[in-house]
Amino acid sequence: MSSRNDNAAAAVIAFVSGAIIAGAAALLLTPKPGREVREKLSDLGESAAGKVRNLAREAKFKASAKTPAGDFHYDGGDAWI
């Protein structure tokens, strides 16, 4: 099973990388002035960086413990119902 997961992850990474490269190539090869292309690439880079920051923040939150380990105190369990 691990081999299938590794292959699927590699396929997703390859697809996303190809999409990014194709998008950048399309922007660079369009017949527009250099200033417009540089502005579009700058905006694209800023939005991509913001998305990566947000995803990293979400992943860090999901991976972190929700409560500190020292908050729970055992009182002896005297109140059985």
PDB file of N, CA and C in Angstrom:
ATOM      1  N   MET A   1       0.815  -1.187   0.000  1.00  0.00           N
ATOM      2  CA  MET A   1       0.000   0.000   0.000  1.00  0.00           C
ATOM      3  C   MET A   1       0.861   1.254   0.000  1.00  0.00           C
ATOM      4  N   SER A   2       1.970   1.228   0.686  1.00  0.00           N
ATOM      5  CA  SER A   2       2.819   2.411   0.772  1.00  0.00           C
ATOM      6  C   SER A   2       3.341   2.815  -0.604  1.00  0.00           C
ATOM      7  N   SER A   3       3.631   1.827  -1.436  1.00  0.00           N
ATOM      8  CA  SER A   3       4.126   2.110  -2.775  1.00  0.00           C
ATOM      9  C   SER A   3       3.071   2.850  -3.603  1.00  0.00           C
ATOM     10  N   ARG A   4       1.806   2.471  -3.448  1.00  0.00           N
ATOM     11  CA  ARG A   4       0.741   3.147  -4.178  1.00  0.00           C
ATOM     12  C   ARG A   4       0.591   4.584  -3.708  1.00  0.00           C
ATOM     13  N   ASN A   5       0.693   4.804  -2.396  1.00  0.00           N
ATOM     14  CA  ASN A   5       0.588   6.161  -1.859  1.00  0.00           C
ATOM     15  C   ASN A   5       1.743   7.031  -2.342  1.00  0.00           C
ATOM     16  N   ASP A   6       2.939   6.456  -2.387  1.00  0.00           N
ATOM     17  CA  ASP A   6       4.100   7.201  -2.868  1.00  0.00           C
ATOM     18  C   ASP A   6       3.940   7.565  -4.338  1.00  0.00           C
ATOM     19  N   ASN A   7       3.427   6.616  -5.131  1.00  0.00           N
ATOM     20  CA  ASN A   7       3.219   6.882  -6.557  1.00  0.00           C
ATOM     21  C   ASN A   7       2.155   7.950  -6.764  1.00  0.00           C
ATOM     22  N   ALA A   8       1.094   7.907  -5.977  1.00  0.00           N
ATOM     23  CA  ALA A   8       0.027   8.905  -6.098  1.00  0.00           C
ATOM     24  C   ALA A   8       0.545  10.287  -5.708  1.00  0.00           C
ATOM     25  N   ALA A   9       1.320  10.361  -4.644  1.00  0.00           N
ATOM     26  CA  ALA A   9       1.881  11.643  -4.209  1.00  0.00           C
ATOM     27  C   ALA A   9       2.830  12.193  -5.274  1.00  0.00           C
ATOM     28  N   ALA A  10       3.634  11.326  -5.861  1.00  0.00           N
ATOM     29  CA  ALA A  10       4.559  11.763  -6.909  1.00  0.00           C
ATOM     30  C   ALA A  10       3.791  12.265  -8.122  1.00  0.00           C
ATOM     31  N   ALA A  11       2.680  11.614  -8.457  1.00  0.00           N
ATOM     32  CA  ALA A  11       1.873  12.039  -9.596  1.00  0.00           C
ATOM     33  C   ALA A  11       1.243  13.404  -9.344  1.00  0.00           C
ATOM     34  N   VAL A  12       0.762  13.624  -8.135  1.00  0.00           N
ATOM     35  CA  VAL A  12       0.155  14.917  -7.799  1.00  0.00           C
ATOM     36  C   VAL A  12       1.205  16.018  -7.848  1.00  0.00           C
ATOM     37  N   ILE A  13       2.364  15.757  -7.286  1.00  0.00           N
ATOM     38  CA  ILE A  13       3.446  16.750  -7.297  1.00  0.00           C
ATOM     39  C   ILE A  13       3.872  17.064  -8.730  1.00  0.00           C
ATOM     40  N   ALA A  14       3.974  16.042  -9.571  1.00  0.00           N
ATOM     41  CA  ALA A  14       4.353  16.251 -10.963  1.00  0.00           C
ATOM     42  C   ALA A  14       3.294  17.073 -11.697  1.00  0.00           C
ATOM     43  N   PHE A  15       2.017  16.790 -11.441  1.00  0.00           N
ATOM     44  CA  PHE A  15       0.941  17.530 -12.097  1.00  0.00           C
ATOM     45  C   PHE A  15       0.967  18.998 -11.692  1.00  0.00           C
ATOM     46  N   VAL A  16       1.088  19.261 -10.399  1.00  0.00           N
ATOM     47  CA  VAL A  16       1.097  20.645  -9.911  1.00  0.00           C
ATOM     48  C   VAL A  16       2.324  21.388 -10.439  1.00  0.00           C
ATOM     49  N   SER A  17       3.467  20.734 -10.433  1.00  0.00           N
ATOM     50  CA  SER A  17       4.684  21.373 -10.950  1.00  0.00           C
ATOM     51  C   SER A  17       4.531  21.703 -12.426  1.00  0.00           C
ATOM     52  N   GLY A  18       3.974  20.776 -13.189  1.00  0.00           N
ATOM     53  CA  GLY A  18       3.755  21.017 -14.610  1.00  0.00           C
ATOM     54  C   GLY A  18       2.792  22.159 -14.854  1.00  0.00           C
ATOM     55  N   ALA A  19       1.738  22.233 -14.039  1.00  0.00           N
ATOM     56  CA  ALA A  19       0.769  23.316 -14.188  1.00  0.00           C
ATOM     57  C   ALA A  19       1.410  24.668 -13.902  1.00  0.00           C
ATOM     58  N   ILE A  20       2.247  24.732 -12.884  1.00  0.00           N
ATOM     59  CA  ILE A  20       2.929  25.985 -12.542  1.00  0.00           C
ATOM     60  C   ILE A  20       3.889  26.399 -13.657  1.00  0.00           C
ATOM     61  N   ILE A  21       4.650  25.443 -14.160  1.00  0.00           N
ATOM     62  CA  ILE A  21       5.603  25.747 -15.227  1.00  0.00           C
ATOM     63  C   ILE A  21       4.866  26.186 -16.490  1.00  0.00           C
ATOM     64  N   ALA A  22       3.771  25.500 -16.823  1.00  0.00           N
ATOM     65  CA  ALA A  22       2.999  25.864 -18.011  1.00  0.00           C
ATOM     66  C   ALA A  22       2.380  27.253 -17.865  1.00  0.00           C
ATOM     67  N   GLY A  23       1.892  27.574 -16.675  1.00  0.00           N
ATOM     68  CA  GLY A  23       1.322  28.903 -16.451  1.00  0.00           C
ATOM     69  C   GLY A  23       2.361  29.997 -16.594  1.00  0.00           C
ATOM     70  N   ALA A  24       3.528  29.762 -16.027  1.00  0.00           N
ATOM     71  CA  ALA A  24       4.598  30.757 -16.138  1.00  0.00           C
ATOM     72  C   ALA A  24       5.046  30.903 -17.594  1.00  0.00           C
ATOM     73  N   ALA A  25       5.139  29.792 -18.314  1.00  0.00           N
ATOM     74  CA  ALA A  25       5.536  29.857 -19.725  1.00  0.00           C
ATOM     75  C   ALA A  25       4.491  30.612 -20.543  1.00  0.00           C
ATOM     76  N   ALA A  26       3.229  30.368 -20.266  1.00  0.00           N
ATOM     77  CA  ALA A  26       2.166  31.071 -20.992  1.00  0.00           C
ATOM     78  C   ALA A  26       2.242  32.576 -20.735  1.00  0.00           C
ATOM     79  N   LEU A  27       2.502  32.964 -19.496  1.00  0.00           N
ATOM     80  CA  LEU A  27       2.627  34.397 -19.192  1.00  0.00           C
ATOM     81  C   LEU A  27       3.827  35.015 -19.893  1.00  0.00           C
ATOM     82  N   LEU A  28       4.918  34.280 -19.926  1.00  0.00           N
ATOM     83  CA  LEU A  28       6.133  34.829 -20.527  1.00  0.00           C
ATOM     84  C   LEU A  28       6.075  34.872 -22.051  1.00  0.00           C
ATOM     85  N   LEU A  29       5.300  33.992 -22.666  1.00  0.00           N
ATOM     86  CA  LEU A  29       5.277  33.910 -24.121  1.00  0.00           C
ATOM     87  C   LEU A  29       4.148  34.715 -24.763  1.00  0.00           C
ATOM     88  N   THR A  30       3.304  35.329 -23.987  1.00  0.00           N
ATOM     89  CA  THR A  30       2.225  36.129 -24.560  1.00  0.00           C
ATOM     90  C   THR A  30       2.803  37.451 -25.086  1.00  0.00           C
ATOM     91  N   PRO A  31       2.220  37.980 -26.155  1.00  0.00           N
ATOM     92  CA  PRO A  31       2.738  39.225 -26.722  1.00  0.00           C
ATOM     93  C   PRO A  31       2.248  40.451 -25.949  1.00  0.00           C
ATOM     94  N   LYS A  32       2.877  40.714 -24.832  1.00  0.00           N
ATOM     95  CA  LYS A  32       2.547  41.872 -24.002  1.00  0.00           C
ATOM     96  C   LYS A  32       3.829  42.590 -23.639  1.00  0.00           C
ATOM     97  N   PRO A  33       3.708  43.840 -23.240  1.00  0.00           N
ATOM     98  CA  PRO A  33       4.902  44.569 -22.795  1.00  0.00           C
ATOM     99  C   PRO A  33       5.525  43.918 -21.555  1.00  0.00           C
ATOM    100  N   GLY A  34       6.812  44.090 -21.411  1.00  0.00           N
ATOM    101  CA  GLY A  34       7.538  43.486 -20.288  1.00  0.00           C
ATOM    102  C   GLY A  34       7.021  43.915 -18.932  1.00  0.00           C
ATOM    103  N   ARG A  35       6.618  45.176 -18.816  1.00  0.00           N
ATOM    104  CA  ARG A  35       6.116  45.681 -17.531  1.00  0.00           C
ATOM    105  C   ARG A  35       4.874  44.899 -17.094  1.00  0.00           C
ATOM    106  N   GLU A  36       3.948  44.661 -18.019  1.00  0.00           N
ATOM    107  CA  GLU A  36       2.723  43.935 -17.681  1.00  0.00           C
ATOM    108  C   GLU A  36       3.031  42.504 -17.261  1.00  0.00           C
ATOM    109  N   VAL A  37       3.941  41.864 -17.977  1.00  0.00           N
ATOM    110  CA  VAL A  37       4.310  40.483 -17.647  1.00  0.00           C
ATOM    111  C   VAL A  37       4.960  40.431 -16.270  1.00  0.00           C
ATOM    112  N   ARG A  38       5.859  41.367 -15.989  1.00  0.00           N
ATOM    113  CA  ARG A  38       6.512  41.385 -14.675  1.00  0.00           C
ATOM    114  C   ARG A  38       5.506  41.627 -13.561  1.00  0.00           C
ATOM    115  N   GLU A  39       4.530  42.506 -13.793  1.00  0.00           N
ATOM    116  CA  GLU A  39       3.503  42.760 -12.783  1.00  0.00           C
ATOM    117  C   GLU A  39       2.654  41.523 -12.539  1.00  0.00           C
ATOM    118  N   LYS A  40       2.278  40.830 -13.631  1.00  0.00           N
ATOM    119  CA  LYS A  40       1.485  39.608 -13.479  1.00  0.00           C
ATOM    120  C   LYS A  40       2.268  38.536 -12.726  1.00  0.00           C
ATOM    121  N   LEU A  41       3.542  38.367 -13.075  1.00  0.00           N
ATOM    122  CA  LEU A  41       4.365  37.375 -12.379  1.00  0.00           C
ATOM    123  C   LEU A  41       4.531  37.746 -10.910  1.00  0.00           C
ATOM    124  N   SER A  42       4.694  39.017 -10.624  1.00  0.00           N
ATOM    125  CA  SER A  42       4.833  39.469  -9.246  1.00  0.00           C
ATOM    126  C   SER A  42       3.562  39.179  -8.457  1.00  0.00           C
ATOM    127  N   ASP A  43       2.411  39.513  -9.051  1.00  0.00           N
ATOM    128  CA  ASP A  43       1.132  39.239  -8.391  1.00  0.00           C
ATOM    129  C   ASP A  43       0.929  37.747  -8.185  1.00  0.00           C
ATOM    130  N   LEU A  44       1.286  36.955  -9.195  1.00  0.00           N
ATOM    131  CA  LEU A  44       1.146  35.503  -9.100  1.00  0.00           C
ATOM    132  C   LEU A  44       2.030  34.960  -7.978  1.00  0.00           C
ATOM    133  N   GLY A  45       3.253  35.455  -7.893  1.00  0.00           N
ATOM    134  CA  GLY A  45       4.170  35.005  -6.846  1.00  0.00           C
ATOM    135  C   GLY A  45       3.678  35.384  -5.462  1.00  0.00           C
ATOM    136  N   GLU A  46       3.152  36.603  -5.330  1.00  0.00           N
ATOM    137  CA  GLU A  46       2.650  37.046  -4.026  1.00  0.00           C
ATOM    138  C   GLU A  46       1.442  36.229  -3.598  1.00  0.00           C
ATOM    139  N   SER A  47       0.515  35.965  -4.513  1.00  0.00           N
ATOM    140  CA  SER A  47      -0.662  35.188  -4.135  1.00  0.00           C
ATOM    141  C   SER A  47      -0.283  33.746  -3.828  1.00  0.00           C
ATOM    142  N   ALA A  48       0.666  33.185  -4.579  1.00  0.00           N
ATOM    143  CA  ALA A  48       1.103  31.819  -4.311  1.00  0.00           C
ATOM    144  C   ALA A  48       1.799  31.741  -2.954  1.00  0.00           C
ATOM    145  N   ALA A  49       2.617  32.737  -2.647  1.00  0.00           N
ATOM    146  CA  ALA A  49       3.301  32.749  -1.353  1.00  0.00           C
ATOM    147  C   ALA A  49       2.300  32.871  -0.215  1.00  0.00           C
ATOM    148  N   GLY A  50       1.278  33.688  -0.399  1.00  0.00           N
ATOM    149  CA  GLY A  50       0.237  33.826   0.623  1.00  0.00           C
ATOM    150  C   GLY A  50      -0.521  32.526   0.833  1.00  0.00           C
ATOM    151  N   LYS A  51      -0.824  31.838  -0.253  1.00  0.00           N
ATOM    152  CA  LYS A  51      -1.523  30.562  -0.142  1.00  0.00           C
ATOM    153  C   LYS A  51      -0.663  29.531   0.578  1.00  0.00           C
ATOM    154  N   VAL A  52       0.618  29.505   0.257  1.00  0.00           N
ATOM    155  CA  VAL A  52       1.524  28.556   0.907  1.00  0.00           C
ATOM    156  C   VAL A  52       1.615  28.866   2.401  1.00  0.00           C
ATOM    157  N   ARG A  53       1.695  30.151   2.754  1.00  0.00           N
ATOM    158  CA  ARG A  53       1.734  30.522   4.170  1.00  0.00           C
ATOM    159  C   ARG A  53       0.468  30.072   4.891  1.00  0.00           C
ATOM    160  N   ASN A  54      -0.692  30.291   4.268  1.00  0.00           N
ATOM    161  CA  ASN A  54      -1.951  29.886   4.883  1.00  0.00           C
ATOM    162  C   ASN A  54      -2.027  28.371   5.039  1.00  0.00           C
ATOM    163  N   LEU A  55      -1.617  27.632   4.021  1.00  0.00           N
ATOM    164  CA  LEU A  55      -1.635  26.171   4.117  1.00  0.00           C
ATOM    165  C   LEU A  55      -0.675  25.676   5.190  1.00  0.00           C
ATOM    166  N   ALA A  56       0.489  26.293   5.288  1.00  0.00           N
ATOM    167  CA  ALA A  56       1.451  25.900   6.314  1.00  0.00           C
ATOM    168  C   ALA A  56       0.898  26.190   7.705  1.00  0.00           C
ATOM    169  N   ARG A  57       0.236  27.334   7.861  1.00  0.00           N
ATOM    170  CA  ARG A  57      -0.360  27.687   9.140  1.00  0.00           C
ATOM    171  C   ARG A  57      -1.452  26.686   9.528  1.00  0.00           C
ATOM    172  N   GLU A  58      -2.300  26.312   8.562  1.00  0.00           N
ATOM    173  CA  GLU A  58      -3.356  25.334   8.826  1.00  0.00           C
ATOM    174  C   GLU A  58      -2.777  23.970   9.184  1.00  0.00           C
ATOM    175  N   ALA A  59      -1.742  23.546   8.449  1.00  0.00           N
ATOM    176  CA  ALA A  59      -1.121  22.254   8.727  1.00  0.00           C
ATOM    177  C   ALA A  59      -0.486  22.247  10.109  1.00  0.00           C
ATOM    178  N   LYS A  60       0.147  23.345  10.475  1.00  0.00           N
ATOM    179  CA  LYS A  60       0.767  23.428  11.789  1.00  0.00           C
ATOM    180  C   LYS A  60      -0.293  23.360  12.884  1.00  0.00           C
ATOM    181  N   PHE A  61      -1.428  24.037  12.668  1.00  0.00           N
ATOM    182  CA  PHE A  61      -2.505  24.005  13.648  1.00  0.00           C
ATOM    183  C   PHE A  61      -3.085  22.606  13.781  1.00  0.00           C
ATOM    184  N   LYS A  62      -3.294  21.930  12.660  1.00  0.00           N
ATOM    185  CA  LYS A  62      -3.871  20.584  12.694  1.00  0.00           C
ATOM    186  C   LYS A  62      -2.913  19.574  13.303  1.00  0.00           C
ATOM    187  N   ALA A  63      -1.618  19.783  13.117  1.00  0.00           N
ATOM    188  CA  ALA A  63      -0.635  18.839  13.632  1.00  0.00           C
ATOM    189  C   ALA A  63      -0.318  19.065  15.104  1.00  0.00           C
ATOM    190  N   SER A  64      -0.588  20.260  15.619  1.00  0.00           N
ATOM    191  CA  SER A  64      -0.248  20.548  17.006  1.00  0.00           C
ATOM    192  C   SER A  64      -1.283  19.946  17.942  1.00  0.00           C
ATOM    193  N   ALA A  65      -0.860  19.716  19.163  1.00  0.00           N
ATOM    194  CA  ALA A  65      -1.765  19.186  20.184  1.00  0.00           C
ATOM    195  C   ALA A  65      -2.795  20.257  20.530  1.00  0.00           C
ATOM    196  N   LYS A  66      -4.021  19.849  20.719  1.00  0.00           N
ATOM    197  CA  LYS A  66      -5.086  20.809  21.004  1.00  0.00           C
ATOM    198  C   LYS A  66      -5.031  21.318  22.447  1.00  0.00           C
ATOM    199  N   THR A  67      -4.586  20.496  23.349  1.00  0.00           N
ATOM    200  CA  THR A  67      -4.460  20.917  24.742  1.00  0.00           C
ATOM    201  C   THR A  67      -3.087  20.512  25.254  1.00  0.00           C
ATOM    202  N   PRO A  68      -2.494  21.311  26.103  1.00  0.00           N
ATOM    203  CA  PRO A  68      -1.207  20.939  26.685  1.00  0.00           C
ATOM    204  C   PRO A  68      -1.357  19.696  27.562  1.00  0.00           C
ATOM    205  N   ALA A  69      -0.315  18.895  27.615  1.00  0.00           N
ATOM    206  CA  ALA A  69      -0.360  17.639  28.361  1.00  0.00           C
ATOM    207  C   ALA A  69      -0.495  17.863  29.867  1.00  0.00           C
ATOM    208  N   GLY A  70      -0.047  18.981  30.378  1.00  0.00           N
ATOM    209  CA  GLY A  70      -0.060  19.211  31.814  1.00  0.00           C
ATOM    210  C   GLY A  70      -1.364  19.772  32.352  1.00  0.00           C
ATOM    211  N   ASP A  71      -2.377  19.983  31.533  1.00  0.00           N
ATOM    212  CA  ASP A  71      -3.621  20.592  31.993  1.00  0.00           C
ATOM    213  C   ASP A  71      -4.548  19.639  32.729  1.00  0.00           C
ATOM    214  N   PHE A  72      -4.411  18.347  32.508  1.00  0.00           N
ATOM    215  CA  PHE A  72      -5.323  17.397  33.118  1.00  0.00           C
ATOM    216  C   PHE A  72      -4.739  16.852  34.415  1.00  0.00           C
ATOM    217  N   HIS A  73      -5.550  16.906  35.464  1.00  0.00           N
ATOM    218  CA  HIS A  73      -5.117  16.384  36.761  1.00  0.00           C
ATOM    219  C   HIS A  73      -6.108  15.316  37.206  1.00  0.00           C
ATOM    220  N   TYR A  74      -5.603  14.197  37.612  1.00  0.00           N
ATOM    221  CA  TYR A  74      -6.434  13.088  38.069  1.00  0.00           C
ATOM    222  C   TYR A  74      -6.768  13.319  39.531  1.00  0.00           C
ATOM    223  N   ASP A  75      -8.079  13.332  39.838  1.00  0.00           N
ATOM    224  CA  ASP A  75      -8.477  13.621  41.214  1.00  0.00           C
ATOM    225  C   ASP A  75      -8.783  12.366  42.017  1.00  0.00           C
ATOM    226  N   GLY A  76      -8.498  11.211  41.476  1.00  0.00           N
ATOM    227  CA  GLY A  76      -8.693   9.980  42.236  1.00  0.00           C
ATOM    228  C   GLY A  76      -9.905   9.180  41.787  1.00  0.00           C
ATOM    229  N   GLY A  77     -10.803   9.755  41.023  1.00  0.00           N
ATOM    230  CA  GLY A  77     -11.948   9.019  40.513  1.00  0.00           C
ATOM    231  C   GLY A  77     -12.943   8.634  41.574  1.00  0.00           C
ATOM    232  N   ASP A  78     -13.199   9.465  42.563  1.00  0.00           N
ATOM    233  CA  ASP A  78     -14.101   9.136  43.666  1.00  0.00           C
ATOM    234  C   ASP A  78     -15.572   9.337  43.306  1.00  0.00           C
ATOM    235  N   ALA A  79     -15.882   9.933  42.163  1.00  0.00           N
ATOM    236  CA  ALA A  79     -17.266  10.278  41.862  1.00  0.00           C
ATOM    237  C   ALA A  79     -17.842   9.370  40.777  1.00  0.00           C
ATOM    238  N   TRP A  80     -17.848   8.062  41.003  1.00  0.00           N
ATOM    239  CA  TRP A  80     -18.455   7.123  40.047  1.00  0.00           C
ATOM    240  C   TRP A  80     -19.970   7.236  40.116  1.00  0.00           C
ATOM    241  N   ILE A  81     -20.598   7.252  39.002  1.00  0.00           N
ATOM    242  CA  ILE A  81     -22.062   7.332  38.972  1.00  0.00           C
ATOM    243  C   ILE A  81     -22.636   5.981  38.672  1.00  0.00           C
TER     244      ILE A  81
END
